[in-house]
Amino acid sequence: MIPNEIIKSFEENNIPYKRNESDKESALKILEQLGLSNSSEAYEYYSQIYGGNTINPRAIDEMLDIADEDIFGTLDYVQERYEISSDFIPLTSDQAEGMFLLNIKDNKVYDFELADYKDFIDDPKPRWDSFYSFLLWYINPELK
């Protein structure tokens, strides 16, 4: 279940967040093409919520809507440029010399920094144990 704090952040900021019914079928198809398990938190979130509207109080890159066709071009770019495993899906762009990546195998979120490229490629370590723990951190600047 999507944590209330996440829904509340959209509602308090008067931001539309629910995925349109007309968009839902396409979103589910994309999530499946990406290899996300339909029991994962990311699948649950992106099947119901338009990810591009996620509140960003940390002044870091905005979240991508991975349930949008554009994710495939972004995914190709990330895999070609950084030679990152296809198990990783970018949740943000790489404009700040790094990005947040979701691993579809373990459903954990990784903080990729270009400065630590070799360490990441050799032995990636998750920063968050779940997609929702990452998202709660992302929307709440008080969390470390």
N, C-alpha and C. Protein backbone atom coordinates (compact mmCIF):
# COMPACT_ATOMS: atom_id res chain seq x y z
N MET A 1 0.84 -1.19 0.00
CA MET A 1 0.00 0.00 0.00
C MET A 1 0.89 1.25 0.00
N ILE A 2 0.53 2.20 -0.82
CA ILE A 2 1.30 3.44 -0.92
C ILE A 2 1.19 4.18 0.41
N PRO A 3 2.33 4.54 1.02
CA PRO A 3 2.30 5.23 2.31
C PRO A 3 1.50 6.54 2.26
N ASN A 4 0.75 6.78 3.32
CA ASN A 4 -0.08 7.99 3.41
C ASN A 4 0.73 9.28 3.26
N GLU A 5 1.97 9.28 3.78
CA GLU A 5 2.80 10.49 3.69
C GLU A 5 3.02 10.90 2.23
N ILE A 6 3.11 9.93 1.36
CA ILE A 6 3.34 10.22 -0.06
C ILE A 6 2.09 10.85 -0.67
N ILE A 7 0.94 10.23 -0.42
CA ILE A 7 -0.33 10.77 -0.94
C ILE A 7 -0.58 12.16 -0.35
N LYS A 8 -0.32 12.30 0.94
CA LYS A 8 -0.53 13.58 1.63
C LYS A 8 0.33 14.69 1.02
N SER A 9 1.57 14.36 0.61
CA SER A 9 2.44 15.39 0.03
C SER A 9 1.86 15.93 -1.28
N PHE A 10 1.22 15.08 -2.06
CA PHE A 10 0.56 15.54 -3.28
C PHE A 10 -0.63 16.42 -2.94
N GLU A 11 -1.46 15.94 -2.03
CA GLU A 11 -2.69 16.65 -1.68
C GLU A 11 -2.41 17.99 -1.02
N GLU A 12 -1.45 18.05 -0.11
CA GLU A 12 -1.11 19.31 0.58
C GLU A 12 -0.59 20.35 -0.40
N ASN A 13 0.06 19.92 -1.44
CA ASN A 13 0.61 20.84 -2.43
C ASN A 13 -0.30 21.03 -3.63
N ASN A 14 -1.51 20.45 -3.53
CA ASN A 14 -2.52 20.60 -4.58
C ASN A 14 -1.98 20.19 -5.96
N ILE A 15 -1.27 19.07 -5.98
CA ILE A 15 -0.67 18.58 -7.21
C ILE A 15 -1.42 17.34 -7.68
N PRO A 16 -1.87 17.33 -8.94
CA PRO A 16 -2.53 16.12 -9.45
C PRO A 16 -1.53 14.98 -9.51
N TYR A 17 -1.93 13.83 -9.04
CA TYR A 17 -1.00 12.72 -8.98
C TYR A 17 -1.56 11.40 -9.49
N LYS A 18 -2.88 11.26 -9.50
CA LYS A 18 -3.47 9.99 -9.92
C LYS A 18 -3.31 9.79 -11.42
N ARG A 19 -2.86 8.61 -11.77
CA ARG A 19 -2.72 8.28 -13.19
C ARG A 19 -4.10 8.20 -13.81
N ASN A 20 -4.28 8.81 -14.95
CA ASN A 20 -5.57 8.77 -15.66
C ASN A 20 -5.90 7.35 -16.05
N GLU A 21 -7.17 7.01 -15.98
CA GLU A 21 -7.62 5.67 -16.37
C GLU A 21 -7.21 5.37 -17.81
N SER A 22 -7.27 6.37 -18.67
CA SER A 22 -6.93 6.16 -20.09
C SER A 22 -5.44 5.85 -20.26
N ASP A 23 -4.62 6.22 -19.30
CA ASP A 23 -3.18 6.02 -19.34
C ASP A 23 -2.75 4.74 -18.63
N LYS A 24 -3.63 4.19 -17.81
CA LYS A 24 -3.26 3.06 -16.94
C LYS A 24 -2.84 1.81 -17.71
N GLU A 25 -3.57 1.46 -18.73
CA GLU A 25 -3.25 0.25 -19.50
C GLU A 25 -1.85 0.34 -20.12
N SER A 26 -1.56 1.49 -20.69
CA SER A 26 -0.24 1.71 -21.28
C SER A 26 0.84 1.67 -20.20
N ALA A 27 0.58 2.27 -19.06
CA ALA A 27 1.55 2.29 -17.96
C ALA A 27 1.86 0.87 -17.49
N LEU A 28 0.83 0.06 -17.32
CA LEU A 28 1.04 -1.33 -16.87
C LEU A 28 1.88 -2.12 -17.87
N LYS A 29 1.62 -1.89 -19.14
CA LYS A 29 2.36 -2.57 -20.20
C LYS A 29 3.85 -2.18 -20.14
N ILE A 30 4.13 -0.91 -19.94
CA ILE A 30 5.50 -0.42 -19.86
C ILE A 30 6.20 -1.01 -18.63
N LEU A 31 5.53 -0.99 -17.50
CA LEU A 31 6.11 -1.54 -16.27
C LEU A 31 6.46 -3.01 -16.44
N GLU A 32 5.60 -3.74 -17.12
CA GLU A 32 5.88 -5.15 -17.39
C GLU A 32 7.06 -5.31 -18.35
N GLN A 33 7.13 -4.46 -19.38
CA GLN A 33 8.25 -4.50 -20.32
C GLN A 33 9.57 -4.21 -19.62
N LEU A 34 9.53 -3.37 -18.60
CA LEU A 34 10.74 -3.05 -17.83
C LEU A 34 11.17 -4.21 -16.94
N GLY A 35 10.28 -5.16 -16.74
CA GLY A 35 10.60 -6.31 -15.91
C GLY A 35 10.24 -6.17 -14.45
N LEU A 36 9.44 -5.16 -14.13
CA LEU A 36 9.03 -4.97 -12.74
C LEU A 36 8.00 -6.02 -12.35
N SER A 37 8.18 -6.59 -11.19
CA SER A 37 7.20 -7.54 -10.66
C SER A 37 5.94 -6.78 -10.29
N ASN A 38 4.78 -7.36 -10.60
CA ASN A 38 3.53 -6.67 -10.27
C ASN A 38 3.26 -6.65 -8.76
N SER A 39 4.12 -7.29 -7.98
CA SER A 39 3.99 -7.24 -6.52
C SER A 39 4.99 -6.26 -5.90
N SER A 40 5.77 -5.58 -6.73
CA SER A 40 6.77 -4.64 -6.21
C SER A 40 6.14 -3.28 -5.88
N GLU A 41 6.80 -2.56 -4.98
CA GLU A 41 6.33 -1.23 -4.59
C GLU A 41 6.36 -0.27 -5.78
N ALA A 42 7.40 -0.34 -6.58
CA ALA A 42 7.51 0.56 -7.73
C ALA A 42 6.38 0.32 -8.73
N TYR A 43 6.05 -0.94 -8.95
CA TYR A 43 4.93 -1.28 -9.84
C TYR A 43 3.63 -0.71 -9.28
N GLU A 44 3.40 -0.92 -7.99
CA GLU A 44 2.19 -0.40 -7.36
C GLU A 44 2.11 1.12 -7.50
N TYR A 45 3.21 1.79 -7.21
CA TYR A 45 3.25 3.25 -7.25
C TYR A 45 3.00 3.78 -8.66
N TYR A 46 3.82 3.34 -9.61
CA TYR A 46 3.73 3.88 -10.96
C TYR A 46 2.48 3.44 -11.71
N SER A 47 1.84 2.37 -11.29
CA SER A 47 0.59 1.97 -11.94
C SER A 47 -0.56 2.88 -11.52
N GLN A 48 -0.42 3.55 -10.39
CA GLN A 48 -1.49 4.41 -9.86
C GLN A 48 -1.17 5.90 -9.89
N ILE A 49 0.13 6.22 -9.89
CA ILE A 49 0.55 7.61 -9.72
C ILE A 49 1.44 8.03 -10.88
N TYR A 50 1.22 9.24 -11.35
CA TYR A 50 2.09 9.82 -12.36
C TYR A 50 3.37 10.27 -11.66
N GLY A 51 4.45 9.57 -11.89
CA GLY A 51 5.70 9.79 -11.16
C GLY A 51 6.37 11.12 -11.41
N GLY A 52 6.11 11.75 -12.53
CA GLY A 52 6.75 13.03 -12.85
C GLY A 52 6.31 14.18 -11.97
N ASN A 53 5.24 14.02 -11.21
CA ASN A 53 4.75 15.09 -10.35
C ASN A 53 5.19 14.94 -8.90
N THR A 54 6.09 14.03 -8.62
CA THR A 54 6.54 13.81 -7.25
C THR A 54 7.23 15.07 -6.71
N ILE A 55 6.84 15.47 -5.51
CA ILE A 55 7.38 16.68 -4.88
C ILE A 55 8.89 16.53 -4.68
N ASN A 56 9.62 17.61 -4.94
CA ASN A 56 11.07 17.58 -4.88
C ASN A 56 11.61 18.72 -4.01
N PRO A 57 11.49 18.63 -2.69
CA PRO A 57 11.97 19.73 -1.84
C PRO A 57 13.49 19.71 -1.62
N ARG A 58 14.18 18.73 -2.11
CA ARG A 58 15.62 18.60 -1.87
C ARG A 58 16.49 19.33 -2.91
N ALA A 59 15.89 19.92 -3.91
CA ALA A 59 16.63 20.60 -4.98
C ALA A 59 17.60 19.64 -5.68
N ILE A 60 17.12 18.43 -5.93
CA ILE A 60 17.87 17.44 -6.70
C ILE A 60 17.03 17.11 -7.93
N ASP A 61 17.57 16.30 -8.80
CA ASP A 61 16.86 15.97 -10.03
C ASP A 61 15.46 15.45 -9.76
N GLU A 62 14.55 15.86 -10.64
CA GLU A 62 13.17 15.40 -10.52
C GLU A 62 13.05 13.94 -10.89
N MET A 63 12.07 13.30 -10.29
CA MET A 63 11.78 11.90 -10.59
C MET A 63 11.26 11.78 -12.03
N LEU A 64 11.62 10.69 -12.66
CA LEU A 64 11.08 10.36 -13.98
C LEU A 64 9.80 9.55 -13.79
N ASP A 65 8.95 9.61 -14.77
CA ASP A 65 7.80 8.71 -14.78
C ASP A 65 8.21 7.49 -15.57
N ILE A 66 8.61 6.43 -14.86
CA ILE A 66 9.13 5.26 -15.54
C ILE A 66 8.04 4.47 -16.26
N ALA A 67 6.78 4.82 -16.06
CA ALA A 67 5.68 4.16 -16.77
C ALA A 67 5.28 4.95 -18.01
N ASP A 68 6.23 5.64 -18.59
CA ASP A 68 6.03 6.43 -19.80
C ASP A 68 6.98 5.91 -20.88
N GLU A 69 6.56 5.95 -22.12
CA GLU A 69 7.37 5.44 -23.25
C GLU A 69 8.79 6.03 -23.26
N ASP A 70 8.95 7.27 -22.79
CA ASP A 70 10.26 7.92 -22.82
C ASP A 70 11.30 7.19 -22.00
N ILE A 71 10.88 6.35 -21.06
CA ILE A 71 11.83 5.64 -20.21
C ILE A 71 12.75 4.73 -21.02
N PHE A 72 12.27 4.22 -22.14
CA PHE A 72 13.10 3.30 -22.92
C PHE A 72 14.31 4.00 -23.54
N GLY A 73 14.14 5.23 -24.00
CA GLY A 73 15.27 6.01 -24.51
C GLY A 73 16.25 6.35 -23.39
N THR A 74 15.71 6.71 -22.24
CA THR A 74 16.55 7.03 -21.08
C THR A 74 17.31 5.79 -20.63
N LEU A 75 16.63 4.67 -20.61
CA LEU A 75 17.24 3.41 -20.20
C LEU A 75 18.39 3.03 -21.15
N ASP A 76 18.16 3.14 -22.46
CA ASP A 76 19.21 2.85 -23.44
C ASP A 76 20.41 3.77 -23.24
N TYR A 77 20.14 5.04 -23.03
CA TYR A 77 21.21 6.03 -22.82
C TYR A 77 22.05 5.67 -21.60
N VAL A 78 21.39 5.38 -20.48
CA VAL A 78 22.08 5.07 -19.23
C VAL A 78 22.91 3.79 -19.37
N GLN A 79 22.32 2.78 -19.98
CA GLN A 79 23.04 1.51 -20.13
C GLN A 79 24.24 1.64 -21.07
N GLU A 80 24.10 2.42 -22.13
CA GLU A 80 25.20 2.60 -23.07
C GLU A 80 26.29 3.50 -22.49
N ARG A 81 25.89 4.60 -21.89
CA ARG A 81 26.88 5.56 -21.38
C ARG A 81 27.66 5.02 -20.19
N TYR A 82 26.96 4.37 -19.27
CA TYR A 82 27.60 3.95 -18.02
C TYR A 82 27.85 2.45 -17.92
N GLU A 83 27.39 1.71 -18.91
CA GLU A 83 27.55 0.25 -18.91
C GLU A 83 26.98 -0.37 -17.63
N ILE A 84 25.84 0.13 -17.23
CA ILE A 84 25.15 -0.35 -16.04
C ILE A 84 24.25 -1.51 -16.43
N SER A 85 24.15 -2.48 -15.55
CA SER A 85 23.33 -3.67 -15.78
C SER A 85 21.89 -3.29 -16.15
N SER A 86 21.28 -4.12 -16.96
CA SER A 86 19.88 -3.90 -17.34
C SER A 86 18.93 -4.15 -16.17
N ASP A 87 19.45 -4.59 -15.04
CA ASP A 87 18.63 -4.75 -13.83
C ASP A 87 18.30 -3.40 -13.20
N PHE A 88 18.99 -2.34 -13.63
CA PHE A 88 18.78 -1.01 -13.05
C PHE A 88 17.95 -0.12 -13.95
N ILE A 89 16.96 0.55 -13.34
CA ILE A 89 16.11 1.51 -14.04
C ILE A 89 16.35 2.87 -13.41
N PRO A 90 16.67 3.89 -14.23
CA PRO A 90 16.88 5.22 -13.65
C PRO A 90 15.57 5.82 -13.14
N LEU A 91 15.62 6.35 -11.93
CA LEU A 91 14.46 7.04 -11.35
C LEU A 91 14.56 8.55 -11.54
N THR A 92 15.80 9.02 -11.80
CA THR A 92 16.05 10.44 -12.08
C THR A 92 17.04 10.50 -13.25
N SER A 93 17.23 11.70 -13.77
CA SER A 93 18.21 11.85 -14.85
C SER A 93 19.61 11.88 -14.24
N ASP A 94 20.61 11.94 -15.11
CA ASP A 94 22.00 11.98 -14.65
C ASP A 94 22.60 13.38 -14.73
N GLN A 95 21.78 14.40 -14.77
CA GLN A 95 22.26 15.77 -14.96
C GLN A 95 23.18 16.26 -13.85
N ALA A 96 23.05 15.71 -12.68
CA ALA A 96 23.87 16.16 -11.54
C ALA A 96 25.05 15.22 -11.29
N GLU A 97 25.56 14.59 -12.35
CA GLU A 97 26.70 13.67 -12.25
C GLU A 97 26.38 12.45 -11.37
N GLY A 98 25.13 12.08 -11.35
CA GLY A 98 24.69 10.91 -10.62
C GLY A 98 23.20 10.73 -10.83
N MET A 99 22.66 9.66 -10.28
CA MET A 99 21.23 9.42 -10.40
C MET A 99 20.81 8.35 -9.42
N PHE A 100 19.52 8.26 -9.20
CA PHE A 100 18.97 7.21 -8.37
C PHE A 100 18.47 6.10 -9.29
N LEU A 101 18.81 4.87 -8.93
CA LEU A 101 18.50 3.72 -9.76
C LEU A 101 17.73 2.68 -8.97
N LEU A 102 16.69 2.14 -9.58
CA LEU A 102 15.92 1.05 -8.99
C LEU A 102 16.43 -0.27 -9.57
N ASN A 103 16.75 -1.21 -8.70
CA ASN A 103 17.15 -2.53 -9.15
C ASN A 103 15.89 -3.40 -9.19
N ILE A 104 15.56 -3.91 -10.38
CA ILE A 104 14.31 -4.67 -10.52
C ILE A 104 14.42 -6.08 -9.94
N LYS A 105 15.62 -6.52 -9.64
CA LYS A 105 15.79 -7.86 -9.06
C LYS A 105 15.58 -7.86 -7.54
N ASP A 106 16.16 -6.85 -6.86
CA ASP A 106 16.04 -6.82 -5.40
C ASP A 106 15.08 -5.73 -4.91
N ASN A 107 14.57 -4.90 -5.83
CA ASN A 107 13.61 -3.83 -5.51
C ASN A 107 14.17 -2.81 -4.53
N LYS A 108 15.48 -2.64 -4.55
CA LYS A 108 16.15 -1.64 -3.71
C LYS A 108 16.59 -0.48 -4.60
N VAL A 109 16.85 0.66 -3.95
CA VAL A 109 17.24 1.85 -4.70
C VAL A 109 18.70 2.18 -4.38
N TYR A 110 19.43 2.49 -5.45
CA TYR A 110 20.86 2.75 -5.37
C TYR A 110 21.14 4.20 -5.73
N ASP A 111 22.12 4.78 -5.07
CA ASP A 111 22.54 6.16 -5.31
C ASP A 111 23.82 6.09 -6.13
N PHE A 112 23.70 6.27 -7.44
CA PHE A 112 24.85 6.19 -8.34
C PHE A 112 25.49 7.57 -8.47
N GLU A 113 26.77 7.65 -8.15
CA GLU A 113 27.55 8.88 -8.31
C GLU A 113 28.66 8.61 -9.31
N LEU A 114 28.79 9.46 -10.30
CA LEU A 114 29.81 9.27 -11.32
C LEU A 114 31.21 9.21 -10.70
N ALA A 115 31.44 9.98 -9.66
CA ALA A 115 32.76 9.98 -9.00
C ALA A 115 33.10 8.61 -8.41
N ASP A 116 32.07 7.82 -8.10
CA ASP A 116 32.27 6.48 -7.53
C ASP A 116 31.92 5.38 -8.53
N TYR A 117 32.09 5.69 -9.80
CA TYR A 117 31.68 4.78 -10.87
C TYR A 117 32.26 3.37 -10.72
N LYS A 118 33.57 3.27 -10.54
CA LYS A 118 34.21 1.96 -10.48
C LYS A 118 33.67 1.14 -9.29
N ASP A 119 33.54 1.78 -8.15
CA ASP A 119 32.99 1.08 -6.97
C ASP A 119 31.58 0.58 -7.25
N PHE A 120 30.78 1.41 -7.90
CA PHE A 120 29.41 1.02 -8.19
C PHE A 120 29.37 -0.18 -9.14
N ILE A 121 30.15 -0.11 -10.20
CA ILE A 121 30.16 -1.20 -11.18
C ILE A 121 30.69 -2.49 -10.54
N ASP A 122 31.73 -2.37 -9.74
CA ASP A 122 32.33 -3.56 -9.12
C ASP A 122 31.45 -4.18 -8.03
N ASP A 123 30.84 -3.33 -7.22
CA ASP A 123 30.08 -3.85 -6.08
C ASP A 123 28.98 -2.85 -5.67
N PRO A 124 27.90 -2.80 -6.44
CA PRO A 124 26.84 -1.84 -6.10
C PRO A 124 26.20 -2.17 -4.74
N LYS A 125 26.00 -1.11 -3.95
CA LYS A 125 25.37 -1.28 -2.63
C LYS A 125 24.14 -0.37 -2.57
N PRO A 126 23.02 -0.93 -2.16
CA PRO A 126 21.80 -0.10 -2.10
C PRO A 126 21.89 0.94 -0.98
N ARG A 127 21.29 2.08 -1.23
CA ARG A 127 21.19 3.09 -0.17
C ARG A 127 19.87 2.94 0.58
N TRP A 128 18.82 2.49 -0.13
CA TRP A 128 17.51 2.28 0.48
C TRP A 128 17.08 0.84 0.24
N ASP A 129 16.50 0.24 1.25
CA ASP A 129 16.08 -1.16 1.16
C ASP A 129 14.76 -1.37 0.44
N SER A 130 14.07 -0.28 0.12
CA SER A 130 12.81 -0.40 -0.61
C SER A 130 12.55 0.87 -1.40
N PHE A 131 11.69 0.75 -2.39
CA PHE A 131 11.32 1.91 -3.19
C PHE A 131 10.61 2.96 -2.33
N TYR A 132 9.70 2.52 -1.46
CA TYR A 132 8.97 3.48 -0.63
C TYR A 132 9.87 4.17 0.40
N SER A 133 10.87 3.49 0.92
CA SER A 133 11.78 4.18 1.85
C SER A 133 12.56 5.26 1.10
N PHE A 134 12.94 4.99 -0.15
CA PHE A 134 13.57 6.02 -0.98
C PHE A 134 12.62 7.19 -1.21
N LEU A 135 11.41 6.88 -1.60
CA LEU A 135 10.44 7.93 -1.92
C LEU A 135 10.11 8.79 -0.71
N LEU A 136 9.99 8.18 0.46
CA LEU A 136 9.74 8.96 1.68
C LEU A 136 10.92 9.88 1.98
N TRP A 137 12.14 9.41 1.75
CA TRP A 137 13.32 10.27 1.90
C TRP A 137 13.27 11.41 0.88
N TYR A 138 12.93 11.07 -0.34
CA TYR A 138 12.92 12.05 -1.45
C TYR A 138 11.97 13.21 -1.18
N ILE A 139 10.81 12.92 -0.61
CA ILE A 139 9.81 13.98 -0.40
C ILE A 139 9.95 14.68 0.95
N ASN A 140 10.80 14.15 1.83
CA ASN A 140 10.93 14.72 3.17
C ASN A 140 12.37 15.14 3.44
N PRO A 141 12.68 16.43 3.30
CA PRO A 141 14.06 16.88 3.47
C PRO A 141 14.60 16.72 4.88
N GLU A 142 13.75 16.42 5.84
CA GLU A 142 14.21 16.22 7.21
C GLU A 142 14.82 14.84 7.42
N LEU A 143 14.55 13.90 6.53
CA LEU A 143 15.11 12.56 6.65
C LEU A 143 16.52 12.54 6.07
N LYS A 144 17.39 11.83 6.71
CA LYS A 144 18.79 11.73 6.24
C LYS A 144 18.95 10.52 5.35
